[in-house]
Amino acid sequence: MAILGAVEQVIDNYIDNALSQVEPNTEITVLISSTHTHGSVHVLDEGPGMSELEISKAFNRFWRATSDSHGSGLGLAIVERLVTLGGGHVQLSNRQPHGLDAQADFLLKNA
């Protein structure tokens, strides 16, 4: 079951990451949906997206897409840990023609 405060921390980290990748005045969309047992968060940006190699490493501790970026490289690792400990799943996927969909699916109640 989702860890208390995890949804807020996931949204905060995903938005922070999106803000670091997009140009000023670029739209970032947050979509939240739920059923009785599951919740889903998507943070959609219009940035450059990520290579498949970057996506495969993005949830690793201390990994950052570029060496000149700010931060510790722990944000997405924390997101992944919070979500999976609560029985959920995280995923990053490129959007067309550009941008990224940062997704987290939460188990809200045992089915």
PDB file of N, CA and C in Angstrom:
ATOM      1  N   MET A   1       0.839  -1.170   0.000  1.00  0.00           N
ATOM      2  CA  MET A   1       0.000   0.000   0.000  1.00  0.00           C
ATOM      3  C   MET A   1       0.890   1.243   0.000  1.00  0.00           C
ATOM      4  N   ALA A   2       0.449   2.304  -0.668  1.00  0.00           N
ATOM      5  CA  ALA A   2       1.243   3.528  -0.814  1.00  0.00           C
ATOM      6  C   ALA A   2       1.703   4.052   0.544  1.00  0.00           C
ATOM      7  N   ILE A   3       2.948   4.471   0.602  1.00  0.00           N
ATOM      8  CA  ILE A   3       3.536   5.023   1.809  1.00  0.00           C
ATOM      9  C   ILE A   3       3.026   6.446   1.998  1.00  0.00           C
ATOM     10  N   LEU A   4       2.657   6.794   3.235  1.00  0.00           N
ATOM     11  CA  LEU A   4       2.141   8.114   3.554  1.00  0.00           C
ATOM     12  C   LEU A   4       3.117   9.191   3.078  1.00  0.00           C
ATOM     13  N   GLY A   5       2.650  10.149   2.321  1.00  0.00           N
ATOM     14  CA  GLY A   5       3.478  11.230   1.811  1.00  0.00           C
ATOM     15  C   GLY A   5       4.192  10.921   0.507  1.00  0.00           C
ATOM     16  N   ALA A   6       4.123   9.677   0.049  1.00  0.00           N
ATOM     17  CA  ALA A   6       4.856   9.283  -1.157  1.00  0.00           C
ATOM     18  C   ALA A   6       4.330   9.989  -2.403  1.00  0.00           C
ATOM     19  N   VAL A   7       3.032  10.107  -2.528  1.00  0.00           N
ATOM     20  CA  VAL A   7       2.461  10.721  -3.730  1.00  0.00           C
ATOM     21  C   VAL A   7       2.962  12.156  -3.869  1.00  0.00           C
ATOM     22  N   GLU A   8       2.940  12.900  -2.775  1.00  0.00           N
ATOM     23  CA  GLU A   8       3.399  14.285  -2.813  1.00  0.00           C
ATOM     24  C   GLU A   8       4.880  14.368  -3.170  1.00  0.00           C
ATOM     25  N   GLN A   9       5.691  13.487  -2.610  1.00  0.00           N
ATOM     26  CA  GLN A   9       7.122  13.510  -2.887  1.00  0.00           C
ATOM     27  C   GLN A   9       7.412  13.119  -4.334  1.00  0.00           C
ATOM     28  N   VAL A  10       6.673  12.169  -4.868  1.00  0.00           N
ATOM     29  CA  VAL A  10       6.831  11.763  -6.261  1.00  0.00           C
ATOM     30  C   VAL A  10       6.500  12.938  -7.184  1.00  0.00           C
ATOM     31  N   ILE A  11       5.369  13.567  -6.964  1.00  0.00           N
ATOM     32  CA  ILE A  11       4.975  14.701  -7.798  1.00  0.00           C
ATOM     33  C   ILE A  11       6.022  15.808  -7.716  1.00  0.00           C
ATOM     34  N   ASP A  12       6.477  16.120  -6.511  1.00  0.00           N
ATOM     35  CA  ASP A  12       7.481  17.161  -6.316  1.00  0.00           C
ATOM     36  C   ASP A  12       8.767  16.843  -7.080  1.00  0.00           C
ATOM     37  N   ASN A  13       9.266  15.616  -6.967  1.00  0.00           N
ATOM     38  CA  ASN A  13      10.497  15.232  -7.658  1.00  0.00           C
ATOM     39  C   ASN A  13      10.317  15.223  -9.171  1.00  0.00           C
ATOM     40  N   TYR A  14       9.210  14.682  -9.649  1.00  0.00           N
ATOM     41  CA  TYR A  14       8.983  14.645 -11.092  1.00  0.00           C
ATOM     42  C   TYR A  14       8.876  16.067 -11.660  1.00  0.00           C
ATOM     43  N   ILE A  15       8.172  16.956 -10.975  1.00  0.00           N
ATOM     44  CA  ILE A  15       8.061  18.338 -11.460  1.00  0.00           C
ATOM     45  C   ILE A  15       9.412  19.035 -11.414  1.00  0.00           C
ATOM     46  N   ASP A  16      10.162  18.841 -10.334  1.00  0.00           N
ATOM     47  CA  ASP A  16      11.487  19.446 -10.220  1.00  0.00           C
ATOM     48  C   ASP A  16      12.384  19.004 -11.377  1.00  0.00           C
ATOM     49  N   ASN A  17      12.361  17.717 -11.693  1.00  0.00           N
ATOM     50  CA  ASN A  17      13.156  17.209 -12.818  1.00  0.00           C
ATOM     51  C   ASN A  17      12.685  17.800 -14.142  1.00  0.00           C
ATOM     52  N   ALA A  18      11.377  17.895 -14.330  1.00  0.00           N
ATOM     53  CA  ALA A  18      10.848  18.468 -15.569  1.00  0.00           C
ATOM     54  C   ALA A  18      11.275  19.932 -15.708  1.00  0.00           C
ATOM     55  N   LEU A  19      11.191  20.691 -14.622  1.00  0.00           N
ATOM     56  CA  LEU A  19      11.580  22.097 -14.663  1.00  0.00           C
ATOM     57  C   LEU A  19      13.043  22.283 -15.031  1.00  0.00           C
ATOM     58  N   SER A  20      13.876  21.331 -14.653  1.00  0.00           N
ATOM     59  CA  SER A  20      15.305  21.448 -14.969  1.00  0.00           C
ATOM     60  C   SER A  20      15.602  21.145 -16.436  1.00  0.00           C
ATOM     61  N   GLN A  21      14.630  20.607 -17.172  1.00  0.00           N
ATOM     62  CA  GLN A  21      14.865  20.193 -18.552  1.00  0.00           C
ATOM     63  C   GLN A  21      14.158  21.040 -19.601  1.00  0.00           C
ATOM     64  N   VAL A  22      13.167  21.792 -19.215  1.00  0.00           N
ATOM     65  CA  VAL A  22      12.382  22.533 -20.205  1.00  0.00           C
ATOM     66  C   VAL A  22      12.826  23.986 -20.294  1.00  0.00           C
ATOM     67  N   GLU A  23      12.503  24.603 -21.415  1.00  0.00           N
ATOM     68  CA  GLU A  23      12.757  26.028 -21.626  1.00  0.00           C
ATOM     69  C   GLU A  23      11.730  26.847 -20.850  1.00  0.00           C
ATOM     70  N   PRO A  24      12.051  28.101 -20.538  1.00  0.00           N
ATOM     71  CA  PRO A  24      11.065  28.964 -19.880  1.00  0.00           C
ATOM     72  C   PRO A  24       9.769  29.034 -20.694  1.00  0.00           C
ATOM     73  N   ASN A  25       8.663  29.198 -20.011  1.00  0.00           N
ATOM     74  CA  ASN A  25       7.327  29.297 -20.611  1.00  0.00           C
ATOM     75  C   ASN A  25       6.895  28.018 -21.320  1.00  0.00           C
ATOM     76  N   THR A  26       7.452  26.890 -20.896  1.00  0.00           N
ATOM     77  CA  THR A  26       7.070  25.591 -21.444  1.00  0.00           C
ATOM     78  C   THR A  26       6.035  24.961 -20.517  1.00  0.00           C
ATOM     79  N   GLU A  27       5.081  24.298 -21.092  1.00  0.00           N
ATOM     80  CA  GLU A  27       4.010  23.678 -20.313  1.00  0.00           C
ATOM     81  C   GLU A  27       4.446  22.354 -19.705  1.00  0.00           C
ATOM     82  N   ILE A  28       4.117  22.166 -18.431  1.00  0.00           N
ATOM     83  CA  ILE A  28       4.274  20.885 -17.738  1.00  0.00           C
ATOM     84  C   ILE A  28       2.885  20.503 -17.255  1.00  0.00           C
ATOM     85  N   THR A  29       2.466  19.291 -17.572  1.00  0.00           N
ATOM     86  CA  THR A  29       1.121  18.838 -17.225  1.00  0.00           C
ATOM     87  C   THR A  29       1.212  17.725 -16.191  1.00  0.00           C
ATOM     88  N   VAL A  30       0.377  17.821 -15.163  1.00  0.00           N
ATOM     89  CA  VAL A  30       0.285  16.782 -14.144  1.00  0.00           C
ATOM     90  C   VAL A  30      -1.096  16.144 -14.261  1.00  0.00           C
ATOM     91  N   LEU A  31      -1.108  14.838 -14.499  1.00  0.00           N
ATOM     92  CA  LEU A  31      -2.359  14.083 -14.591  1.00  0.00           C
ATOM     93  C   LEU A  31      -2.418  13.109 -13.429  1.00  0.00           C
ATOM     94  N   ILE A  32      -3.535  13.105 -12.730  1.00  0.00           N
ATOM     95  CA  ILE A  32      -3.723  12.199 -11.599  1.00  0.00           C
ATOM     96  C   ILE A  32      -5.047  11.473 -11.800  1.00  0.00           C
ATOM     97  N   SER A  33      -5.010  10.157 -11.665  1.00  0.00           N
ATOM     98  CA  SER A  33      -6.240   9.375 -11.771  1.00  0.00           C
ATOM     99  C   SER A  33      -6.233   8.303 -10.687  1.00  0.00           C
ATOM    100  N   SER A  34      -7.413   7.806 -10.366  1.00  0.00           N
ATOM    101  CA  SER A  34      -7.470   6.756  -9.345  1.00  0.00           C
ATOM    102  C   SER A  34      -8.716   5.905  -9.506  1.00  0.00           C
ATOM    103  N   THR A  35      -8.613   4.700  -8.968  1.00  0.00           N
ATOM    104  CA  THR A  35      -9.749   3.802  -8.804  1.00  0.00           C
ATOM    105  C   THR A  35      -9.832   3.538  -7.307  1.00  0.00           C
ATOM    106  N   HIS A  36     -10.627   2.582  -6.904  1.00  0.00           N
ATOM    107  CA  HIS A  36     -10.715   2.247  -5.475  1.00  0.00           C
ATOM    108  C   HIS A  36      -9.414   1.659  -4.945  1.00  0.00           C
ATOM    109  N   THR A  37      -8.632   1.038  -5.810  1.00  0.00           N
ATOM    110  CA  THR A  37      -7.437   0.334  -5.337  1.00  0.00           C
ATOM    111  C   THR A  37      -6.114   0.885  -5.865  1.00  0.00           C
ATOM    112  N   HIS A  38      -6.152   1.672  -6.946  1.00  0.00           N
ATOM    113  CA  HIS A  38      -4.910   2.135  -7.562  1.00  0.00           C
ATOM    114  C   HIS A  38      -4.967   3.630  -7.875  1.00  0.00           C
ATOM    115  N   GLY A  39      -3.805   4.253  -7.848  1.00  0.00           N
ATOM    116  CA  GLY A  39      -3.672   5.644  -8.255  1.00  0.00           C
ATOM    117  C   GLY A  39      -2.536   5.761  -9.251  1.00  0.00           C
ATOM    118  N   SER A  40      -2.631   6.754 -10.106  1.00  0.00           N
ATOM    119  CA  SER A  40      -1.605   6.954 -11.122  1.00  0.00           C
ATOM    120  C   SER A  40      -1.300   8.435 -11.255  1.00  0.00           C
ATOM    121  N   VAL A  41      -0.015   8.752 -11.351  1.00  0.00           N
ATOM    122  CA  VAL A  41       0.454  10.119 -11.551  1.00  0.00           C
ATOM    123  C   VAL A  41       1.310  10.139 -12.809  1.00  0.00           C
ATOM    124  N   HIS A  42       1.061  11.113 -13.668  1.00  0.00           N
ATOM    125  CA  HIS A  42       1.890  11.344 -14.848  1.00  0.00           C
ATOM    126  C   HIS A  42       2.305  12.808 -14.831  1.00  0.00           C
ATOM    127  N   VAL A  43       3.596  13.063 -14.968  1.00  0.00           N
ATOM    128  CA  VAL A  43       4.091  14.417 -15.167  1.00  0.00           C
ATOM    129  C   VAL A  43       4.657  14.457 -16.575  1.00  0.00           C
ATOM    130  N   LEU A  44       4.006  15.247 -17.419  1.00  0.00           N
ATOM    131  CA  LEU A  44       4.332  15.316 -18.844  1.00  0.00           C
ATOM    132  C   LEU A  44       5.031  16.643 -19.126  1.00  0.00           C
ATOM    133  N   ASP A  45       6.223  16.569 -19.719  1.00  0.00           N
ATOM    134  CA  ASP A  45       6.922  17.800 -20.067  1.00  0.00           C
ATOM    135  C   ASP A  45       7.161  17.867 -21.565  1.00  0.00           C
ATOM    136  N   GLU A  46       7.619  19.016 -22.025  1.00  0.00           N
ATOM    137  CA  GLU A  46       7.902  19.242 -23.434  1.00  0.00           C
ATOM    138  C   GLU A  46       9.391  19.465 -23.657  1.00  0.00           C
ATOM    139  N   GLY A  47      10.213  18.845 -22.817  1.00  0.00           N
ATOM    140  CA  GLY A  47      11.661  18.961 -22.921  1.00  0.00           C
ATOM    141  C   GLY A  47      12.221  18.055 -24.002  1.00  0.00           C
ATOM    142  N   PRO A  48      13.527  17.817 -23.949  1.00  0.00           N
ATOM    143  CA  PRO A  48      14.189  17.028 -24.989  1.00  0.00           C
ATOM    144  C   PRO A  48      13.971  15.522 -24.880  1.00  0.00           C
ATOM    145  N   GLY A  49      13.414  15.054 -23.784  1.00  0.00           N
ATOM    146  CA  GLY A  49      13.283  13.608 -23.589  1.00  0.00           C
ATOM    147  C   GLY A  49      14.616  13.008 -23.171  1.00  0.00           C
ATOM    148  N   MET A  50      14.706  11.690 -23.198  1.00  0.00           N
ATOM    149  CA  MET A  50      15.908  10.987 -22.771  1.00  0.00           C
ATOM    150  C   MET A  50      16.190   9.843 -23.731  1.00  0.00           C
ATOM    151  N   SER A  51      17.458   9.482 -23.841  1.00  0.00           N
ATOM    152  CA  SER A  51      17.801   8.305 -24.639  1.00  0.00           C
ATOM    153  C   SER A  51      17.355   7.059 -23.868  1.00  0.00           C
ATOM    154  N   GLU A  52      17.268   5.945 -24.555  1.00  0.00           N
ATOM    155  CA  GLU A  52      16.891   4.687 -23.887  1.00  0.00           C
ATOM    156  C   GLU A  52      17.913   4.323 -22.808  1.00  0.00           C
ATOM    157  N   LEU A  53      19.190   4.597 -23.054  1.00  0.00           N
ATOM    158  CA  LEU A  53      20.227   4.337 -22.056  1.00  0.00           C
ATOM    159  C   LEU A  53      20.014   5.207 -20.817  1.00  0.00           C
ATOM    160  N   GLU A  54      19.698   6.477 -21.018  1.00  0.00           N
ATOM    161  CA  GLU A  54      19.437   7.373 -19.885  1.00  0.00           C
ATOM    162  C   GLU A  54      18.212   6.907 -19.094  1.00  0.00           C
ATOM    163  N   ILE A  55      17.169   6.510 -19.799  1.00  0.00           N
ATOM    164  CA  ILE A  55      15.965   6.014 -19.118  1.00  0.00           C
ATOM    165  C   ILE A  55      16.296   4.781 -18.281  1.00  0.00           C
ATOM    166  N   SER A  56      17.136   3.901 -18.810  1.00  0.00           N
ATOM    167  CA  SER A  56      17.473   2.669 -18.079  1.00  0.00           C
ATOM    168  C   SER A  56      18.284   2.952 -16.815  1.00  0.00           C
ATOM    169  N   LYS A  57      18.950   4.097 -16.738  1.00  0.00           N
ATOM    170  CA  LYS A  57      19.775   4.442 -15.583  1.00  0.00           C
ATOM    171  C   LYS A  57      19.142   5.481 -14.661  1.00  0.00           C
ATOM    172  N   ALA A  58      18.069   6.104 -15.086  1.00  0.00           N
ATOM    173  CA  ALA A  58      17.537   7.284 -14.403  1.00  0.00           C
ATOM    174  C   ALA A  58      17.151   7.051 -12.943  1.00  0.00           C
ATOM    175  N   PHE A  59      16.730   5.860 -12.590  1.00  0.00           N
ATOM    176  CA  PHE A  59      16.319   5.594 -11.209  1.00  0.00           C
ATOM    177  C   PHE A  59      17.477   5.076 -10.344  1.00  0.00           C
ATOM    178  N   ASN A  60      18.687   5.008 -10.897  1.00  0.00           N
ATOM    179  CA  ASN A  60      19.859   4.587 -10.122  1.00  0.00           C
ATOM    180  C   ASN A  60      20.301   5.715  -9.197  1.00  0.00           C
ATOM    181  N   ARG A  61      20.726   5.355  -7.994  1.00  0.00           N
ATOM    182  CA  ARG A  61      21.227   6.361  -7.052  1.00  0.00           C
ATOM    183  C   ARG A  61      22.445   7.072  -7.622  1.00  0.00           C
ATOM    184  N   PHE A  62      22.502   8.377  -7.410  1.00  0.00           N
ATOM    185  CA  PHE A  62      23.610   9.257  -7.778  1.00  0.00           C
ATOM    186  C   PHE A  62      23.782   9.457  -9.288  1.00  0.00           C
ATOM    187  N   TRP A  63      22.894   8.902 -10.113  1.00  0.00           N
ATOM    188  CA  TRP A  63      23.010   9.097 -11.553  1.00  0.00           C
ATOM    189  C   TRP A  63      22.330  10.405 -11.942  1.00  0.00           C
ATOM    190  N   ARG A  64      22.996  11.178 -12.780  1.00  0.00           N
ATOM    191  CA  ARG A  64      22.428  12.415 -13.320  1.00  0.00           C
ATOM    192  C   ARG A  64      22.634  12.405 -14.829  1.00  0.00           C
ATOM    193  N   ALA A  65      21.681  12.946 -15.554  1.00  0.00           N
ATOM    194  CA  ALA A  65      21.745  12.921 -17.019  1.00  0.00           C
ATOM    195  C   ALA A  65      22.936  13.701 -17.546  1.00  0.00           C
ATOM    196  N   THR A  66      23.289  14.797 -16.898  1.00  0.00           N
ATOM    197  CA  THR A  66      24.455  15.578 -17.309  1.00  0.00           C
ATOM    198  C   THR A  66      25.268  15.933 -16.079  1.00  0.00           C
ATOM    199  N   SER A  67      26.554  16.023 -16.256  1.00  0.00           N
ATOM    200  CA  SER A  67      27.429  16.305 -15.114  1.00  0.00           C
ATOM    201  C   SER A  67      27.308  17.743 -14.637  1.00  0.00           C
ATOM    202  N   ASP A  68      26.774  18.648 -15.459  1.00  0.00           N
ATOM    203  CA  ASP A  68      26.645  20.033 -15.040  1.00  0.00           C
ATOM    204  C   ASP A  68      25.290  20.328 -14.395  1.00  0.00           C
ATOM    205  N   SER A  69      24.439  19.311 -14.255  1.00  0.00           N
ATOM    206  CA  SER A  69      23.136  19.533 -13.630  1.00  0.00           C
ATOM    207  C   SER A  69      23.277  19.608 -12.111  1.00  0.00           C
ATOM    208  N   HIS A  70      22.363  20.341 -11.522  1.00  0.00           N
ATOM    209  CA  HIS A  70      22.364  20.478 -10.068  1.00  0.00           C
ATOM    210  C   HIS A  70      21.661  19.275  -9.457  1.00  0.00           C
ATOM    211  N   GLY A  71      21.894  19.061  -8.192  1.00  0.00           N
ATOM    212  CA  GLY A  71      21.239  17.965  -7.499  1.00  0.00           C
ATOM    213  C   GLY A  71      22.194  16.830  -7.211  1.00  0.00           C
ATOM    214  N   SER A  72      21.729  15.923  -6.385  1.00  0.00           N
ATOM    215  CA  SER A  72      22.562  14.823  -5.911  1.00  0.00           C
ATOM    216  C   SER A  72      22.425  13.559  -6.737  1.00  0.00           C
ATOM    217  N   GLY A  73      21.413  13.506  -7.591  1.00  0.00           N
ATOM    218  CA  GLY A  73      21.157  12.270  -8.323  1.00  0.00           C
ATOM    219  C   GLY A  73      20.383  11.268  -7.487  1.00  0.00           C
ATOM    220  N   LEU A  74      19.720  11.758  -6.435  1.00  0.00           N
ATOM    221  CA  LEU A  74      18.953  10.855  -5.568  1.00  0.00           C
ATOM    222  C   LEU A  74      17.438  10.968  -5.749  1.00  0.00           C
ATOM    223  N   GLY A  75      16.974  12.036  -6.374  1.00  0.00           N
ATOM    224  CA  GLY A  75      15.530  12.277  -6.460  1.00  0.00           C
ATOM    225  C   GLY A  75      14.745  11.133  -7.064  1.00  0.00           C
ATOM    226  N   LEU A  76      15.136  10.675  -8.249  1.00  0.00           N
ATOM    227  CA  LEU A  76      14.391   9.593  -8.894  1.00  0.00           C
ATOM    228  C   LEU A  76      14.612   8.255  -8.202  1.00  0.00           C
ATOM    229  N   ALA A  77      15.780   8.066  -7.596  1.00  0.00           N
ATOM    230  CA  ALA A  77      16.018   6.838  -6.829  1.00  0.00           C
ATOM    231  C   ALA A  77      15.076   6.781  -5.627  1.00  0.00           C
ATOM    232  N   ILE A  78      14.872   7.910  -4.985  1.00  0.00           N
ATOM    233  CA  ILE A  78      13.942   7.975  -3.845  1.00  0.00           C
ATOM    234  C   ILE A  78      12.520   7.729  -4.322  1.00  0.00           C
ATOM    235  N   VAL A  79      12.151   8.339  -5.445  1.00  0.00           N
ATOM    236  CA  VAL A  79      10.825   8.121  -6.028  1.00  0.00           C
ATOM    237  C   VAL A  79      10.596   6.631  -6.264  1.00  0.00           C
ATOM    238  N   GLU A  80      11.542   6.000  -6.934  1.00  0.00           N
ATOM    239  CA  GLU A  80      11.403   4.574  -7.254  1.00  0.00           C
ATOM    240  C   GLU A  80      11.255   3.732  -5.988  1.00  0.00           C
ATOM    241  N   ARG A  81      12.041   4.028  -4.989  1.00  0.00           N
ATOM    242  CA  ARG A  81      12.003   3.249  -3.742  1.00  0.00           C
ATOM    243  C   ARG A  81      10.677   3.437  -3.010  1.00  0.00           C
ATOM    244  N   LEU A  82      10.221   4.673  -2.896  1.00  0.00           N
ATOM    245  CA  LEU A  82       8.945   4.943  -2.224  1.00  0.00           C
ATOM    246  C   LEU A  82       7.785   4.229  -2.911  1.00  0.00           C
ATOM    247  N   VAL A  83       7.771   4.291  -4.226  1.00  0.00           N
ATOM    248  CA  VAL A  83       6.655   3.701  -4.971  1.00  0.00           C
ATOM    249  C   VAL A  83       6.699   2.186  -4.915  1.00  0.00           C
ATOM    250  N   THR A  84       7.862   1.581  -5.145  1.00  0.00           N
ATOM    251  CA  THR A  84       7.930   0.117  -5.166  1.00  0.00           C
ATOM    252  C   THR A  84       7.760  -0.489  -3.772  1.00  0.00           C
ATOM    253  N   LEU A  85       8.229   0.195  -2.735  1.00  0.00           N
ATOM    254  CA  LEU A  85       7.998  -0.319  -1.378  1.00  0.00           C
ATOM    255  C   LEU A  85       6.516  -0.390  -1.043  1.00  0.00           C
ATOM    256  N   GLY A  86       5.741   0.498  -1.659  1.00  0.00           N
ATOM    257  CA  GLY A  86       4.299   0.491  -1.447  1.00  0.00           C
ATOM    258  C   GLY A  86       3.552  -0.383  -2.439  1.00  0.00           C
ATOM    259  N   GLY A  87       4.274  -1.189  -3.213  1.00  0.00           N
ATOM    260  CA  GLY A  87       3.627  -2.107  -4.148  1.00  0.00           C
ATOM    261  C   GLY A  87       3.345  -1.511  -5.517  1.00  0.00           C
ATOM    262  N   GLY A  88       3.908  -0.334  -5.808  1.00  0.00           N
ATOM    263  CA  GLY A  88       3.648   0.329  -7.078  1.00  0.00           C
ATOM    264  C   GLY A  88       4.753   0.152  -8.093  1.00  0.00           C
ATOM    265  N   HIS A  89       4.691   0.973  -9.136  1.00  0.00           N
ATOM    266  CA  HIS A  89       5.603   0.870 -10.277  1.00  0.00           C
ATOM    267  C   HIS A  89       5.891   2.270 -10.813  1.00  0.00           C
ATOM    268  N   VAL A  90       7.144   2.514 -11.226  1.00  0.00           N
ATOM    269  CA  VAL A  90       7.520   3.780 -11.855  1.00  0.00           C
ATOM    270  C   VAL A  90       7.984   3.516 -13.281  1.00  0.00           C
ATOM    271  N   GLN A  91       7.876   4.550 -14.109  1.00  0.00           N
ATOM    272  CA  GLN A  91       8.289   4.391 -15.498  1.00  0.00           C
ATOM    273  C   GLN A  91       8.530   5.765 -16.108  1.00  0.00           C
ATOM    274  N   LEU A  92       9.540   5.845 -16.961  1.00  0.00           N
ATOM    275  CA  LEU A  92       9.793   7.027 -17.775  1.00  0.00           C
ATOM    276  C   LEU A  92       9.654   6.621 -19.227  1.00  0.00           C
ATOM    277  N   SER A  93       8.981   7.439 -20.014  1.00  0.00           N
ATOM    278  CA  SER A  93       8.872   7.137 -21.441  1.00  0.00           C
ATOM    279  C   SER A  93       8.858   8.440 -22.236  1.00  0.00           C
ATOM    280  N   ASN A  94       9.459   8.387 -23.407  1.00  0.00           N
ATOM    281  CA  ASN A  94       9.499   9.544 -24.279  1.00  0.00           C
ATOM    282  C   ASN A  94       8.139   9.787 -24.899  1.00  0.00           C
ATOM    283  N   ARG A  95       7.848  11.067 -25.098  1.00  0.00           N
ATOM    284  CA  ARG A  95       6.615  11.484 -25.762  1.00  0.00           C
ATOM    285  C   ARG A  95       6.962  11.928 -27.180  1.00  0.00           C
ATOM    286  N   GLN A  96       5.989  11.903 -28.060  1.00  0.00           N
ATOM    287  CA  GLN A  96       6.198  12.358 -29.436  1.00  0.00           C
ATOM    288  C   GLN A  96       5.503  13.698 -29.633  1.00  0.00           C
ATOM    289  N   PRO A  97       6.122  14.686 -30.251  1.00  0.00           N
ATOM    290  CA  PRO A  97       7.408  14.604 -30.931  1.00  0.00           C
ATOM    291  C   PRO A  97       8.599  14.763 -29.983  1.00  0.00           C
ATOM    292  N   HIS A  98       8.374  15.246 -28.762  1.00  0.00           N
ATOM    293  CA  HIS A  98       9.458  15.390 -27.790  1.00  0.00           C
ATOM    294  C   HIS A  98       8.847  15.505 -26.398  1.00  0.00           C
ATOM    295  N   GLY A  99       9.667  15.351 -25.402  1.00  0.00           N
ATOM    296  CA  GLY A  99       9.202  15.433 -24.027  1.00  0.00           C
ATOM    297  C   GLY A  99       9.265  14.080 -23.340  1.00  0.00           C
ATOM    298  N   LEU A 100       8.902  14.097 -22.074  1.00  0.00           N
ATOM    299  CA  LEU A 100       8.980  12.894 -21.256  1.00  0.00           C
ATOM    300  C   LEU A 100       7.697  12.726 -20.450  1.00  0.00           C
ATOM    301  N   ASP A 101       7.294  11.489 -20.258  1.00  0.00           N
ATOM    302  CA  ASP A 101       6.182  11.121 -19.374  1.00  0.00           C
ATOM    303  C   ASP A 101       6.788  10.388 -18.192  1.00  0.00           C
ATOM    304  N   ALA A 102       6.774  11.036 -17.031  1.00  0.00           N
ATOM    305  CA  ALA A 102       7.246  10.412 -15.797  1.00  0.00           C
ATOM    306  C   ALA A 102       6.010   9.895 -15.069  1.00  0.00           C
ATOM    307  N   GLN A 103       5.924   8.588 -14.920  1.00  0.00           N
ATOM    308  CA  GLN A 103       4.724   7.931 -14.414  1.00  0.00           C
ATOM    309  C   GLN A 103       5.013   7.209 -13.110  1.00  0.00           C
ATOM    310  N   ALA A 104       4.033   7.231 -12.211  1.00  0.00           N
ATOM    311  CA  ALA A 104       4.084   6.427 -10.987  1.00  0.00           C
ATOM    312  C   ALA A 104       2.698   5.853 -10.759  1.00  0.00           C
ATOM    313  N   ASP A 105       2.629   4.555 -10.586  1.00  0.00           N
ATOM    314  CA  ASP A 105       1.374   3.864 -10.293  1.00  0.00           C
ATOM    315  C   ASP A 105       1.451   3.356  -8.862  1.00  0.00           C
ATOM    316  N   PHE A 106       0.439   3.689  -8.076  1.00  0.00           N
ATOM    317  CA  PHE A 106       0.403   3.361  -6.656  1.00  0.00           C
ATOM    318  C   PHE A 106      -0.669   2.336  -6.342  1.00  0.00           C
ATOM    319  N   LEU A 107      -0.375   1.439  -5.428  1.00  0.00           N
ATOM    320  CA  LEU A 107      -1.374   0.556  -4.855  1.00  0.00           C
ATOM    321  C   LEU A 107      -1.941   1.288  -3.650  1.00  0.00           C
ATOM    322  N   LEU A 108      -3.237   1.652  -3.709  1.00  0.00           N
ATOM    323  CA  LEU A 108      -3.851   2.428  -2.647  1.00  0.00           C
ATOM    324  C   LEU A 108      -4.486   1.549  -1.570  1.00  0.00           C
ATOM    325  N   LYS A 109      -5.073   0.442  -2.009  1.00  0.00           N
ATOM    326  CA  LYS A 109      -5.683  -0.518  -1.095  1.00  0.00           C
ATOM    327  C   LYS A 109      -5.407  -1.916  -1.636  1.00  0.00           C
ATOM    328  N   ASN A 110      -5.312  -2.865  -0.740  1.00  0.00           N
ATOM    329  CA  ASN A 110      -5.160  -4.235  -1.198  1.00  0.00           C
ATOM    330  C   ASN A 110      -6.415  -4.680  -1.906  1.00  0.00           C
ATOM    331  N   ALA A 111      -6.240  -5.237  -3.090  1.00  0.00           N
ATOM    332  CA  ALA A 111      -7.401  -5.665  -3.894  1.00  0.00           C
ATOM    333  C   ALA A 111      -7.982  -6.944  -3.359  1.00  0.00           C
TER     334      ALA A 111
END
